[in-house]
Amino acid sequence: MQNIVRLHPEDVSDGMARTGVSRRHLAHVAGLHYNTLKGVGRPGWNPRWETLEAFCRALAAMPDAKTKNDVSRQLDAPSSH
């Protein structure tokens, strides 16, 4: 039996908000031109399946913005040594 994956255009805008990634950076990581994200977050944005899948895969590999901020704070904290 095959696994059925359901992706939605909202997954991309939600993932961008979760990770804090810019459109240009997401497009670069996904290996696509940034114009493919021109309508993201707007009603009617309807990317091809392959495009949606590429963006969702790239977003899945990125840490959440909160995680990135926590790590940055730890790295910037004064050393207790």
Protein backbone atom coordinates (compact mmCIF):
# COMPACT_ATOMS: atom_id res chain seq x y z
CA MET A 1 0.00 0.00 0.00
CA GLN A 2 1.33 3.43 -0.93
CA ASN A 3 1.50 6.32 1.49
CA ILE A 4 -0.64 9.21 0.36
CA VAL A 5 0.88 12.62 0.95
CA ARG A 6 -1.38 15.61 0.92
CA LEU A 7 0.33 18.93 0.46
CA HIS A 8 -1.44 22.27 0.32
CA PRO A 9 -0.21 25.68 -0.84
CA GLU A 10 -0.85 26.92 2.73
CA ASP A 11 1.86 24.52 3.91
CA VAL A 12 4.44 26.73 2.24
CA SER A 13 3.32 30.02 3.81
CA ASP A 14 2.87 28.30 7.19
CA GLY A 15 6.36 26.79 6.90
CA MET A 16 7.86 30.14 5.98
CA ALA A 17 6.30 31.69 9.08
CA ARG A 18 7.49 28.77 11.23
CA THR A 19 11.08 28.94 10.03
CA GLY A 20 11.38 32.68 9.41
CA VAL A 21 12.91 32.00 5.98
CA SER A 22 12.71 34.58 3.19
CA ARG A 23 11.14 33.81 -0.17
CA ARG A 24 14.46 34.20 -1.94
CA HIS A 25 16.29 31.86 0.45
CA LEU A 26 13.54 29.24 0.33
CA ALA A 27 13.55 29.28 -3.46
CA HIS A 28 17.34 28.93 -3.47
CA VAL A 29 17.29 25.98 -1.06
CA ALA A 30 14.48 24.32 -3.04
CA GLY A 31 16.43 24.82 -6.27
CA LEU A 32 13.72 26.97 -7.85
CA HIS A 33 13.47 30.54 -9.08
CA TYR A 34 12.16 32.98 -6.46
CA ASN A 35 9.36 34.10 -8.79
CA THR A 36 7.70 30.74 -8.15
CA LEU A 37 6.85 32.13 -4.70
CA LYS A 38 5.39 35.37 -6.06
CA GLY A 39 1.83 34.61 -4.96
CA VAL A 40 2.53 32.54 -1.85
CA GLY A 41 0.09 33.27 0.94
CA ARG A 42 -2.50 34.75 -1.40
CA PRO A 43 -5.76 33.06 -2.33
CA GLY A 44 -5.44 31.40 -5.69
CA TRP A 45 -1.71 30.60 -5.47
CA ASN A 46 -1.67 27.21 -7.14
CA PRO A 47 1.84 25.87 -7.76
CA ARG A 48 2.52 22.66 -9.67
CA TRP A 49 2.77 19.54 -7.50
CA GLU A 50 6.53 19.27 -8.09
CA THR A 51 7.03 22.89 -7.04
CA LEU A 52 4.94 22.48 -3.90
CA GLU A 53 6.79 19.30 -3.01
CA ALA A 54 10.20 20.96 -3.48
CA PHE A 55 9.26 23.85 -1.19
CA CYS A 56 7.79 21.55 1.47
CA ARG A 57 10.90 19.34 1.44
CA ALA A 58 13.16 22.38 1.82
CA LEU A 59 11.04 23.74 4.68
CA ALA A 60 11.00 20.37 6.44
CA ALA A 61 14.80 20.42 6.55
CA MET A 62 14.92 23.88 8.20
CA PRO A 63 14.80 24.47 11.94
CA ASP A 64 11.98 26.50 13.43
CA ALA A 65 12.66 30.20 13.97
CA LYS A 66 12.31 29.69 17.74
CA THR A 67 14.96 26.97 17.65
CA LYS A 68 17.30 29.21 15.64
CA ASN A 69 16.75 32.07 18.11
CA ASP A 70 17.39 29.80 21.10
CA VAL A 71 20.65 28.55 19.58
CA SER A 72 21.74 32.09 18.70
CA ARG A 73 21.07 33.24 22.27
CA GLN A 74 23.09 30.34 23.65
CA LEU A 75 25.99 31.11 21.32
CA ASP A 76 25.88 34.82 22.17
CA ALA A 77 25.64 34.24 25.94
CA PRO A 78 28.74 35.05 27.96
CA SER A 79 30.80 32.03 28.85
CA SER A 80 30.67 30.91 32.48
CA HIS A 81 34.23 29.57 32.38
